[in-house]
Amino acid sequence: MAAVNPSVFLLTVNGQIEGANGLEEGITQITCKGSLSDKLIWNFPLETTFKSTSPSGWPQLVLSVYGPDVFGNDVVRGYGATHIPITPGKHSRTIPMFVPEPTWRLQRFTSWLLGRRPEYTDPKVVAQGEGRGVTRVRSQGFVTVSFNIMTKDMKKLGKSPLSTTVSEGGLSWRQRQEQQFGSEIVSGHM
């Protein structure tokens, strides 16, 4: 029997990491560029459910793409992140990818020679802005991801992303999310 006053809400995410433009190879899902296109097709499935009492710290999808270099060493080909869409329905995101770059020419040559390019040791760095401000990075293509979002009991908890009602602090849930994540994420544009 379902609870009349739920204490949690559910967020169900289904979708797939469709493919990439501008990247080389990857490890988890292997693909090669065709002779007529620069696009890589992965169609790697995503499926997860989150259970929470608060939308604070909304989940993100963090991507790390690796592939072999000319010596056969697995090196980072790109990092990227996006917040999971807030509103139910079908969404598509094009995620810009980047790679850390050595700051000195000697470091660049040494990393190429030894097959050890700069990479993040903690994937949380990609999801957070903190600590990345001093890192030199290079743009490295785009990855396309599709999401199918379903929510349960968000409205019953007063956490509807489409709600315009005023809550604590004088801001609606949507306004707080826009402050935290930016209006382009909340409105579904990125």
N, C-alpha and C. Protein backbone atom coordinates (compact mmCIF):
# COMPACT_ATOMS: atom_id res chain seq x y z
N MET A 1 0.84 -1.17 0.00
CA MET A 1 0.00 0.00 0.00
C MET A 1 0.89 1.23 0.00
N ALA A 2 0.61 2.20 -0.86
CA ALA A 2 1.43 3.41 -0.99
C ALA A 2 1.18 4.35 0.17
N ALA A 3 2.23 5.05 0.57
CA ALA A 3 2.12 6.02 1.65
C ALA A 3 1.36 7.25 1.18
N VAL A 4 0.49 7.79 2.07
CA VAL A 4 -0.29 8.97 1.73
C VAL A 4 0.62 10.20 1.71
N ASN A 5 1.50 10.31 2.67
CA ASN A 5 2.45 11.41 2.74
C ASN A 5 3.86 10.86 2.58
N PRO A 6 4.35 10.79 1.37
CA PRO A 6 5.68 10.22 1.16
C PRO A 6 6.77 11.10 1.78
N SER A 7 7.87 10.48 2.18
CA SER A 7 8.98 11.23 2.77
C SER A 7 10.14 11.35 1.78
N VAL A 8 10.05 10.68 0.65
CA VAL A 8 11.11 10.74 -0.37
C VAL A 8 10.47 10.88 -1.75
N PHE A 9 11.27 11.33 -2.70
CA PHE A 9 10.84 11.31 -4.09
C PHE A 9 11.80 10.45 -4.88
N LEU A 10 11.35 9.97 -6.03
CA LEU A 10 12.17 9.12 -6.90
C LEU A 10 12.43 9.83 -8.22
N LEU A 11 13.62 9.64 -8.74
CA LEU A 11 14.01 10.16 -10.05
C LEU A 11 14.56 8.96 -10.82
N THR A 12 13.88 8.58 -11.89
CA THR A 12 14.32 7.46 -12.71
C THR A 12 14.86 7.99 -14.03
N VAL A 13 16.05 7.53 -14.38
CA VAL A 13 16.73 7.99 -15.59
C VAL A 13 16.99 6.79 -16.49
N ASN A 14 16.51 6.87 -17.72
CA ASN A 14 16.82 5.89 -18.76
C ASN A 14 17.36 6.69 -19.93
N GLY A 15 18.22 6.12 -20.70
CA GLY A 15 18.74 6.82 -21.87
C GLY A 15 19.95 6.11 -22.42
N GLN A 16 20.75 6.89 -23.15
CA GLN A 16 21.97 6.30 -23.71
C GLN A 16 22.98 7.39 -24.05
N ILE A 17 24.24 7.00 -23.96
CA ILE A 17 25.33 7.83 -24.47
C ILE A 17 25.40 7.47 -25.95
N GLU A 18 24.88 8.35 -26.78
CA GLU A 18 24.70 8.03 -28.19
C GLU A 18 25.99 7.98 -28.98
N GLY A 19 26.81 9.00 -28.88
CA GLY A 19 28.02 9.02 -29.68
C GLY A 19 28.79 10.30 -29.47
N ALA A 20 29.83 10.49 -30.29
CA ALA A 20 30.72 11.64 -30.13
C ALA A 20 31.16 12.18 -31.48
N ASN A 21 31.47 13.45 -31.49
CA ASN A 21 32.10 14.11 -32.63
C ASN A 21 33.45 14.64 -32.18
N GLY A 22 34.49 14.36 -32.93
CA GLY A 22 35.79 14.93 -32.64
C GLY A 22 36.68 14.13 -31.74
N LEU A 23 36.16 13.09 -31.09
CA LEU A 23 36.98 12.26 -30.22
C LEU A 23 37.57 11.11 -31.02
N GLU A 24 38.54 10.47 -30.43
CA GLU A 24 39.14 9.29 -31.06
C GLU A 24 38.39 8.05 -30.57
N GLU A 25 39.11 7.03 -30.11
CA GLU A 25 38.51 5.79 -29.65
C GLU A 25 38.16 5.87 -28.17
N GLY A 26 37.39 4.89 -27.68
CA GLY A 26 37.08 4.77 -26.27
C GLY A 26 37.30 3.35 -25.81
N ILE A 27 37.28 3.09 -24.49
CA ILE A 27 37.58 1.76 -23.98
C ILE A 27 36.32 0.99 -23.61
N THR A 28 35.43 1.55 -22.79
CA THR A 28 34.26 0.82 -22.32
C THR A 28 33.39 0.36 -23.46
N GLN A 29 33.13 1.26 -24.35
CA GLN A 29 32.32 0.97 -25.52
C GLN A 29 33.23 1.26 -26.71
N ILE A 30 33.62 0.27 -27.44
CA ILE A 30 34.61 0.43 -28.50
C ILE A 30 33.93 0.76 -29.81
N THR A 31 34.51 1.73 -30.53
CA THR A 31 34.01 2.11 -31.84
C THR A 31 35.16 2.72 -32.64
N CYS A 32 35.00 2.78 -33.92
CA CYS A 32 35.97 3.42 -34.81
C CYS A 32 35.24 4.38 -35.72
N LYS A 33 35.94 5.42 -36.14
CA LYS A 33 35.35 6.37 -37.08
C LYS A 33 35.19 5.70 -38.43
N GLY A 34 34.08 6.01 -39.09
CA GLY A 34 33.87 5.52 -40.45
C GLY A 34 34.64 6.37 -41.44
N SER A 35 34.74 5.91 -42.66
CA SER A 35 35.49 6.65 -43.67
C SER A 35 34.73 7.88 -44.15
N LEU A 36 33.40 7.91 -43.98
CA LEU A 36 32.60 9.02 -44.46
C LEU A 36 32.16 9.98 -43.37
N SER A 37 32.50 9.70 -42.10
CA SER A 37 32.02 10.53 -41.00
C SER A 37 33.04 10.61 -39.88
N ASP A 38 33.02 11.74 -39.16
CA ASP A 38 33.86 11.88 -37.97
C ASP A 38 33.11 11.48 -36.71
N LYS A 39 31.88 11.01 -36.84
CA LYS A 39 31.06 10.68 -35.69
C LYS A 39 31.32 9.24 -35.23
N LEU A 40 31.44 9.09 -33.91
CA LEU A 40 31.55 7.78 -33.29
C LEU A 40 30.18 7.41 -32.73
N ILE A 41 29.73 6.19 -32.92
CA ILE A 41 28.44 5.75 -32.41
C ILE A 41 28.68 4.73 -31.30
N TRP A 42 28.16 5.04 -30.08
CA TRP A 42 28.30 4.11 -28.97
C TRP A 42 26.97 3.47 -28.60
N ASN A 43 25.91 4.26 -28.47
CA ASN A 43 24.61 3.79 -28.00
C ASN A 43 24.74 2.98 -26.71
N PHE A 44 25.51 3.52 -25.77
CA PHE A 44 25.77 2.88 -24.48
C PHE A 44 24.60 3.17 -23.54
N PRO A 45 23.88 2.14 -23.07
CA PRO A 45 22.66 2.39 -22.28
C PRO A 45 22.94 2.93 -20.88
N LEU A 46 22.01 3.77 -20.41
CA LEU A 46 22.03 4.31 -19.05
C LEU A 46 20.72 3.94 -18.39
N GLU A 47 20.78 3.54 -17.14
CA GLU A 47 19.57 3.27 -16.38
C GLU A 47 19.90 3.34 -14.90
N THR A 48 19.21 4.24 -14.18
CA THR A 48 19.42 4.37 -12.75
C THR A 48 18.21 5.03 -12.12
N THR A 49 18.05 4.83 -10.81
CA THR A 49 16.99 5.47 -10.05
C THR A 49 17.62 6.09 -8.81
N PHE A 50 17.25 7.34 -8.55
CA PHE A 50 17.72 8.04 -7.36
C PHE A 50 16.55 8.22 -6.41
N LYS A 51 16.84 8.13 -5.12
CA LYS A 51 15.83 8.31 -4.08
C LYS A 51 16.38 9.38 -3.14
N SER A 52 15.56 10.42 -2.88
CA SER A 52 16.06 11.52 -2.06
C SER A 52 14.93 12.22 -1.34
N THR A 53 15.30 12.99 -0.33
CA THR A 53 14.34 13.83 0.38
C THR A 53 14.49 15.28 -0.03
N SER A 54 15.58 15.61 -0.74
CA SER A 54 15.87 16.99 -1.11
C SER A 54 16.53 17.04 -2.48
N PRO A 55 16.19 18.03 -3.29
CA PRO A 55 16.84 18.15 -4.60
C PRO A 55 18.24 18.78 -4.53
N SER A 56 18.68 19.13 -3.35
CA SER A 56 20.01 19.72 -3.20
C SER A 56 21.07 18.72 -3.63
N GLY A 57 22.03 19.16 -4.43
CA GLY A 57 23.06 18.26 -4.95
C GLY A 57 22.54 17.38 -6.07
N TRP A 58 21.73 17.96 -6.97
CA TRP A 58 21.10 17.21 -8.06
C TRP A 58 22.15 16.40 -8.81
N PRO A 59 21.85 15.16 -9.20
CA PRO A 59 22.86 14.28 -9.81
C PRO A 59 23.36 14.76 -11.17
N GLN A 60 24.59 14.37 -11.46
CA GLN A 60 25.23 14.69 -12.73
C GLN A 60 25.73 13.41 -13.39
N LEU A 61 25.84 13.46 -14.70
CA LEU A 61 26.49 12.40 -15.45
C LEU A 61 27.89 12.91 -15.77
N VAL A 62 28.92 12.18 -15.32
CA VAL A 62 30.31 12.54 -15.58
C VAL A 62 30.88 11.53 -16.55
N LEU A 63 31.45 12.02 -17.65
CA LEU A 63 32.02 11.15 -18.68
C LEU A 63 33.54 11.25 -18.67
N SER A 64 34.18 10.11 -18.78
CA SER A 64 35.64 10.02 -18.96
C SER A 64 35.87 9.09 -20.14
N VAL A 65 36.44 9.61 -21.21
CA VAL A 65 36.68 8.81 -22.41
C VAL A 65 38.19 8.58 -22.53
N TYR A 66 38.58 7.32 -22.66
CA TYR A 66 39.97 6.95 -22.81
C TYR A 66 40.15 6.21 -24.13
N GLY A 67 41.36 6.25 -24.64
CA GLY A 67 41.67 5.53 -25.86
C GLY A 67 43.17 5.37 -26.00
N PRO A 68 43.61 4.52 -26.90
CA PRO A 68 45.05 4.28 -27.06
C PRO A 68 45.74 5.43 -27.80
N ASP A 69 46.99 5.71 -27.39
CA ASP A 69 47.79 6.68 -28.14
C ASP A 69 48.60 5.92 -29.20
N VAL A 70 49.55 6.59 -29.85
CA VAL A 70 50.31 5.94 -30.94
C VAL A 70 51.18 4.79 -30.44
N PHE A 71 51.47 4.76 -29.11
CA PHE A 71 52.29 3.69 -28.55
C PHE A 71 51.45 2.58 -27.94
N GLY A 72 50.10 2.69 -28.03
CA GLY A 72 49.22 1.68 -27.46
C GLY A 72 48.87 1.89 -26.01
N ASN A 73 49.30 3.01 -25.41
CA ASN A 73 48.96 3.32 -24.01
C ASN A 73 47.56 3.92 -23.95
N ASP A 74 46.77 3.53 -22.95
CA ASP A 74 45.45 4.12 -22.77
C ASP A 74 45.61 5.50 -22.13
N VAL A 75 45.15 6.53 -22.84
CA VAL A 75 45.25 7.91 -22.36
C VAL A 75 43.88 8.56 -22.42
N VAL A 76 43.71 9.61 -21.63
CA VAL A 76 42.44 10.31 -21.60
C VAL A 76 42.21 11.02 -22.94
N ARG A 77 41.01 10.84 -23.49
CA ARG A 77 40.61 11.50 -24.73
C ARG A 77 39.63 12.63 -24.47
N GLY A 78 39.00 12.63 -23.29
CA GLY A 78 38.08 13.72 -22.97
C GLY A 78 37.33 13.49 -21.68
N TYR A 79 37.02 14.60 -20.99
CA TYR A 79 36.17 14.61 -19.81
C TYR A 79 35.01 15.54 -20.09
N GLY A 80 33.88 15.27 -19.48
CA GLY A 80 32.72 16.15 -19.59
C GLY A 80 31.70 15.79 -18.54
N ALA A 81 30.78 16.73 -18.27
CA ALA A 81 29.74 16.50 -17.27
C ALA A 81 28.50 17.31 -17.61
N THR A 82 27.35 16.80 -17.20
CA THR A 82 26.09 17.52 -17.33
C THR A 82 25.18 17.09 -16.20
N HIS A 83 24.33 18.02 -15.75
CA HIS A 83 23.31 17.65 -14.76
C HIS A 83 22.24 16.81 -15.43
N ILE A 84 21.69 15.87 -14.69
CA ILE A 84 20.54 15.11 -15.16
C ILE A 84 19.38 16.11 -15.29
N PRO A 85 18.63 16.07 -16.38
CA PRO A 85 17.51 17.01 -16.52
C PRO A 85 16.54 16.92 -15.34
N ILE A 86 15.96 18.04 -14.97
CA ILE A 86 15.08 18.12 -13.81
C ILE A 86 13.64 17.75 -14.15
N THR A 87 13.20 18.12 -15.34
CA THR A 87 11.80 17.90 -15.69
C THR A 87 11.60 16.54 -16.35
N PRO A 88 10.45 15.91 -16.09
CA PRO A 88 10.16 14.62 -16.73
C PRO A 88 10.05 14.77 -18.25
N GLY A 89 10.34 13.70 -18.97
CA GLY A 89 10.23 13.70 -20.42
C GLY A 89 11.53 13.32 -21.08
N LYS A 90 11.56 13.49 -22.40
CA LYS A 90 12.74 13.14 -23.21
C LYS A 90 13.61 14.38 -23.37
N HIS A 91 14.91 14.22 -23.15
CA HIS A 91 15.87 15.32 -23.25
C HIS A 91 17.11 14.83 -23.99
N SER A 92 17.78 15.74 -24.65
CA SER A 92 19.05 15.44 -25.31
C SER A 92 20.06 16.50 -24.90
N ARG A 93 21.29 16.08 -24.61
CA ARG A 93 22.35 17.01 -24.23
C ARG A 93 23.57 16.76 -25.10
N THR A 94 24.20 17.83 -25.53
CA THR A 94 25.48 17.76 -26.22
C THR A 94 26.51 18.27 -25.23
N ILE A 95 27.37 17.38 -24.76
CA ILE A 95 28.32 17.69 -23.69
C ILE A 95 29.68 18.03 -24.29
N PRO A 96 30.18 19.25 -24.06
CA PRO A 96 31.53 19.57 -24.53
C PRO A 96 32.56 18.78 -23.72
N MET A 97 33.51 18.21 -24.41
CA MET A 97 34.57 17.42 -23.77
C MET A 97 35.87 18.23 -23.76
N PHE A 98 36.72 17.95 -22.77
CA PHE A 98 38.00 18.64 -22.66
C PHE A 98 39.04 17.69 -22.08
N VAL A 99 40.30 18.02 -22.31
CA VAL A 99 41.40 17.25 -21.74
C VAL A 99 42.37 18.22 -21.06
N PRO A 100 42.97 17.82 -19.93
CA PRO A 100 43.98 18.65 -19.28
C PRO A 100 45.24 18.71 -20.16
N GLU A 101 45.88 19.85 -20.15
CA GLU A 101 47.09 20.06 -20.95
C GLU A 101 48.28 20.36 -20.04
N PRO A 102 49.46 19.88 -20.38
CA PRO A 102 50.66 20.29 -19.64
C PRO A 102 50.89 21.80 -19.84
N THR A 103 51.45 22.45 -18.83
CA THR A 103 51.66 23.89 -18.94
C THR A 103 52.98 24.24 -19.62
N TRP A 104 53.97 23.38 -19.55
CA TRP A 104 55.27 23.67 -20.14
C TRP A 104 55.53 22.76 -21.32
N ARG A 105 56.32 23.24 -22.27
CA ARG A 105 56.66 22.42 -23.44
C ARG A 105 57.43 21.17 -23.05
N LEU A 106 58.32 21.29 -22.07
CA LEU A 106 59.08 20.12 -21.63
C LEU A 106 58.13 19.07 -21.05
N GLN A 107 57.13 19.49 -20.26
CA GLN A 107 56.14 18.55 -19.73
C GLN A 107 55.36 17.89 -20.86
N ARG A 108 55.00 18.67 -21.88
CA ARG A 108 54.25 18.13 -23.01
C ARG A 108 55.07 17.07 -23.73
N PHE A 109 56.34 17.36 -23.99
CA PHE A 109 57.21 16.40 -24.67
C PHE A 109 57.42 15.14 -23.82
N THR A 110 57.69 15.33 -22.53
CA THR A 110 57.92 14.20 -21.63
C THR A 110 56.68 13.32 -21.52
N SER A 111 55.50 13.94 -21.40
CA SER A 111 54.27 13.14 -21.29
C SER A 111 54.00 12.38 -22.58
N TRP A 112 54.28 12.98 -23.73
CA TRP A 112 54.11 12.28 -25.01
C TRP A 112 55.10 11.13 -25.11
N LEU A 113 56.35 11.37 -24.74
CA LEU A 113 57.40 10.36 -24.85
C LEU A 113 57.13 9.17 -23.92
N LEU A 114 56.69 9.44 -22.69
CA LEU A 114 56.46 8.38 -21.72
C LEU A 114 55.05 7.79 -21.79
N GLY A 115 54.19 8.41 -22.57
CA GLY A 115 52.81 7.92 -22.68
C GLY A 115 51.99 8.21 -21.45
N ARG A 116 52.38 9.18 -20.66
CA ARG A 116 51.66 9.55 -19.44
C ARG A 116 51.18 10.99 -19.57
N ARG A 117 49.99 11.17 -20.09
CA ARG A 117 49.42 12.51 -20.24
C ARG A 117 48.72 12.93 -18.95
N PRO A 118 48.55 14.24 -18.76
CA PRO A 118 47.84 14.70 -17.55
C PRO A 118 46.41 14.17 -17.53
N GLU A 119 45.97 13.76 -16.35
CA GLU A 119 44.59 13.34 -16.17
C GLU A 119 44.19 13.57 -14.73
N TYR A 120 42.89 13.65 -14.48
CA TYR A 120 42.39 13.86 -13.13
C TYR A 120 42.37 12.53 -12.40
N THR A 121 42.81 12.53 -11.14
CA THR A 121 42.80 11.31 -10.34
C THR A 121 41.45 11.11 -9.66
N ASP A 122 40.67 12.18 -9.53
CA ASP A 122 39.36 12.10 -8.89
C ASP A 122 38.30 12.59 -9.88
N PRO A 123 37.35 11.74 -10.28
CA PRO A 123 36.34 12.17 -11.26
C PRO A 123 35.43 13.28 -10.75
N LYS A 124 35.40 13.51 -9.43
CA LYS A 124 34.57 14.59 -8.89
C LYS A 124 35.06 15.96 -9.37
N VAL A 125 36.33 16.07 -9.71
CA VAL A 125 36.87 17.34 -10.20
C VAL A 125 36.14 17.79 -11.46
N VAL A 126 35.75 16.83 -12.30
CA VAL A 126 35.05 17.16 -13.53
C VAL A 126 33.66 17.71 -13.23
N ALA A 127 33.00 17.17 -12.20
CA ALA A 127 31.64 17.57 -11.86
C ALA A 127 31.59 18.89 -11.09
N GLN A 128 32.68 19.27 -10.47
CA GLN A 128 32.71 20.49 -9.66
C GLN A 128 33.58 21.52 -10.35
N GLY A 129 33.26 22.76 -10.15
CA GLY A 129 34.07 23.83 -10.71
C GLY A 129 35.32 24.11 -9.88
N GLU A 130 35.27 23.73 -8.59
CA GLU A 130 36.38 24.01 -7.69
C GLU A 130 37.62 23.21 -8.09
N GLY A 131 38.76 23.89 -8.12
CA GLY A 131 40.02 23.21 -8.41
C GLY A 131 40.34 23.13 -9.89
N ARG A 132 39.37 23.44 -10.75
CA ARG A 132 39.63 23.37 -12.19
C ARG A 132 40.06 24.71 -12.75
N GLY A 133 39.91 25.77 -11.97
CA GLY A 133 40.21 27.11 -12.47
C GLY A 133 41.67 27.30 -12.85
N VAL A 134 42.57 26.57 -12.25
CA VAL A 134 43.99 26.72 -12.55
C VAL A 134 44.51 25.66 -13.51
N THR A 135 43.61 24.81 -13.99
CA THR A 135 44.00 23.74 -14.90
C THR A 135 43.88 24.21 -16.34
N ARG A 136 44.91 24.05 -17.12
CA ARG A 136 44.86 24.36 -18.55
C ARG A 136 44.23 23.17 -19.26
N VAL A 137 43.19 23.45 -20.06
CA VAL A 137 42.51 22.38 -20.78
C VAL A 137 42.38 22.75 -22.25
N ARG A 138 42.12 21.71 -23.05
CA ARG A 138 41.91 21.87 -24.49
C ARG A 138 40.58 21.23 -24.84
N SER A 139 39.79 21.90 -25.68
CA SER A 139 38.52 21.35 -26.12
C SER A 139 38.78 20.10 -26.94
N GLN A 140 37.92 19.08 -26.76
CA GLN A 140 38.17 17.80 -27.40
C GLN A 140 36.87 17.17 -27.89
N GLY A 141 36.07 17.91 -28.65
CA GLY A 141 34.88 17.33 -29.23
C GLY A 141 33.67 17.38 -28.33
N PHE A 142 32.64 16.64 -28.71
CA PHE A 142 31.36 16.64 -28.01
C PHE A 142 30.82 15.22 -27.93
N VAL A 143 30.08 14.93 -26.85
CA VAL A 143 29.38 13.66 -26.69
C VAL A 143 27.89 13.97 -26.57
N THR A 144 27.07 13.22 -27.29
CA THR A 144 25.62 13.39 -27.25
C THR A 144 25.00 12.32 -26.37
N VAL A 145 24.15 12.76 -25.44
CA VAL A 145 23.47 11.86 -24.51
C VAL A 145 21.98 12.13 -24.56
N SER A 146 21.17 11.07 -24.58
CA SER A 146 19.71 11.23 -24.51
C SER A 146 19.23 10.70 -23.16
N PHE A 147 18.26 11.41 -22.59
CA PHE A 147 17.69 11.04 -21.29
C PHE A 147 16.18 10.90 -21.42
N ASN A 148 15.61 9.93 -20.73
CA ASN A 148 14.17 9.82 -20.50
C ASN A 148 14.01 9.89 -18.99
N ILE A 149 13.36 10.96 -18.51
CA ILE A 149 13.27 11.23 -17.09
C ILE A 149 11.86 10.97 -16.59
N MET A 150 11.75 10.26 -15.46
CA MET A 150 10.48 10.05 -14.77
C MET A 150 10.68 10.40 -13.31
N THR A 151 9.70 11.06 -12.72
CA THR A 151 9.76 11.40 -11.30
C THR A 151 8.52 10.86 -10.60
N LYS A 152 8.66 10.65 -9.31
CA LYS A 152 7.52 10.16 -8.50
C LYS A 152 7.55 10.89 -7.17
N ASP A 153 6.42 11.43 -6.79
CA ASP A 153 6.19 12.07 -5.48
C ASP A 153 6.92 13.41 -5.30
N MET A 154 7.44 14.01 -6.35
CA MET A 154 8.06 15.33 -6.19
C MET A 154 7.01 16.39 -5.87
N LYS A 155 5.87 16.34 -6.56
CA LYS A 155 4.81 17.31 -6.30
C LYS A 155 4.24 17.14 -4.90
N LYS A 156 4.10 15.89 -4.45
CA LYS A 156 3.56 15.64 -3.12
C LYS A 156 4.47 16.21 -2.03
N LEU A 157 5.76 16.28 -2.33
CA LEU A 157 6.71 16.85 -1.37
C LEU A 157 6.92 18.35 -1.58
N GLY A 158 6.18 18.94 -2.53
CA GLY A 158 6.33 20.37 -2.81
C GLY A 158 7.61 20.69 -3.54
N LYS A 159 8.11 19.74 -4.33
CA LYS A 159 9.38 19.92 -5.02
C LYS A 159 9.21 19.87 -6.53
N SER A 160 8.08 20.29 -7.02
CA SER A 160 7.83 20.26 -8.45
C SER A 160 8.68 21.30 -9.16
N PRO A 161 9.45 20.91 -10.20
CA PRO A 161 10.29 21.87 -10.91
C PRO A 161 9.47 22.91 -11.66
N LEU A 162 8.20 22.65 -11.90
CA LEU A 162 7.35 23.60 -12.60
C LEU A 162 6.57 24.47 -11.64
N SER A 163 6.74 24.26 -10.33
CA SER A 163 6.00 24.99 -9.32
C SER A 163 6.46 26.44 -9.25
N THR A 164 5.52 27.33 -9.05
CA THR A 164 5.85 28.74 -8.88
C THR A 164 5.50 29.20 -7.48
N THR A 165 5.15 28.26 -6.59
CA THR A 165 4.80 28.63 -5.23
C THR A 165 6.05 29.05 -4.46
N VAL A 166 5.86 29.97 -3.53
CA VAL A 166 6.97 30.47 -2.74
C VAL A 166 7.19 29.55 -1.55
N SER A 167 8.45 29.24 -1.28
CA SER A 167 8.79 28.38 -0.16
C SER A 167 9.80 29.09 0.72
N GLU A 168 10.49 28.34 1.58
CA GLU A 168 11.42 28.96 2.50
C GLU A 168 12.44 29.83 1.77
N GLY A 169 12.76 30.95 2.39
CA GLY A 169 13.71 31.89 1.80
C GLY A 169 13.07 32.76 0.73
N GLY A 170 11.74 32.63 0.52
CA GLY A 170 11.06 33.46 -0.46
C GLY A 170 11.26 33.02 -1.90
N LEU A 171 11.89 31.87 -2.14
CA LEU A 171 12.13 31.38 -3.49
C LEU A 171 11.41 30.07 -3.72
N SER A 172 10.92 29.86 -4.93
CA SER A 172 10.31 28.58 -5.28
C SER A 172 11.42 27.55 -5.49
N TRP A 173 11.03 26.29 -5.54
CA TRP A 173 12.01 25.22 -5.80
C TRP A 173 12.72 25.48 -7.13
N ARG A 174 11.95 25.88 -8.15
CA ARG A 174 12.53 26.16 -9.46
C ARG A 174 13.54 27.30 -9.39
N GLN A 175 13.22 28.37 -8.66
CA GLN A 175 14.14 29.50 -8.54
C GLN A 175 15.43 29.08 -7.82
N ARG A 176 15.31 28.23 -6.77
CA ARG A 176 16.51 27.76 -6.08
C ARG A 176 17.37 26.90 -7.00
N GLN A 177 16.73 26.07 -7.85
CA GLN A 177 17.48 25.24 -8.79
C GLN A 177 18.17 26.11 -9.84
N GLU A 178 17.48 27.16 -10.29
CA GLU A 178 18.10 28.07 -11.26
C GLU A 178 19.31 28.76 -10.67
N GLN A 179 19.23 29.14 -9.39
CA GLN A 179 20.38 29.75 -8.73
C GLN A 179 21.53 28.77 -8.62
N GLN A 180 21.21 27.53 -8.26
CA GLN A 180 22.26 26.54 -8.04
C GLN A 180 22.84 26.00 -9.35
N PHE A 181 21.99 25.72 -10.34
CA PHE A 181 22.44 25.04 -11.55
C PHE A 181 22.47 25.92 -12.79
N GLY A 182 21.84 27.08 -12.73
CA GLY A 182 21.78 27.94 -13.91
C GLY A 182 20.47 27.73 -14.65
N SER A 183 19.92 28.79 -15.20
CA SER A 183 18.60 28.71 -15.82
C SER A 183 18.60 27.84 -17.08
N GLU A 184 19.73 27.74 -17.79
CA GLU A 184 19.73 26.91 -19.00
C GLU A 184 19.56 25.45 -18.69
N ILE A 185 20.01 25.01 -17.52
CA ILE A 185 19.87 23.60 -17.14
C ILE A 185 18.43 23.34 -16.71
N VAL A 186 17.86 24.23 -15.91
CA VAL A 186 16.50 24.03 -15.42
C VAL A 186 15.49 24.08 -16.55
N SER A 187 15.69 24.98 -17.52
CA SER A 187 14.74 25.10 -18.60
C SER A 187 14.94 24.05 -19.70
N GLY A 188 16.00 23.26 -19.59
CA GLY A 188 16.20 22.17 -20.54
C GLY A 188 17.07 22.54 -21.73
N HIS A 189 17.68 23.71 -21.72
CA HIS A 189 18.57 24.11 -22.81
C HIS A 189 20.00 24.04 -22.33
N MET A 190 20.88 23.57 -23.18
CA MET A 190 22.28 23.50 -22.80
C MET A 190 23.16 23.56 -23.99
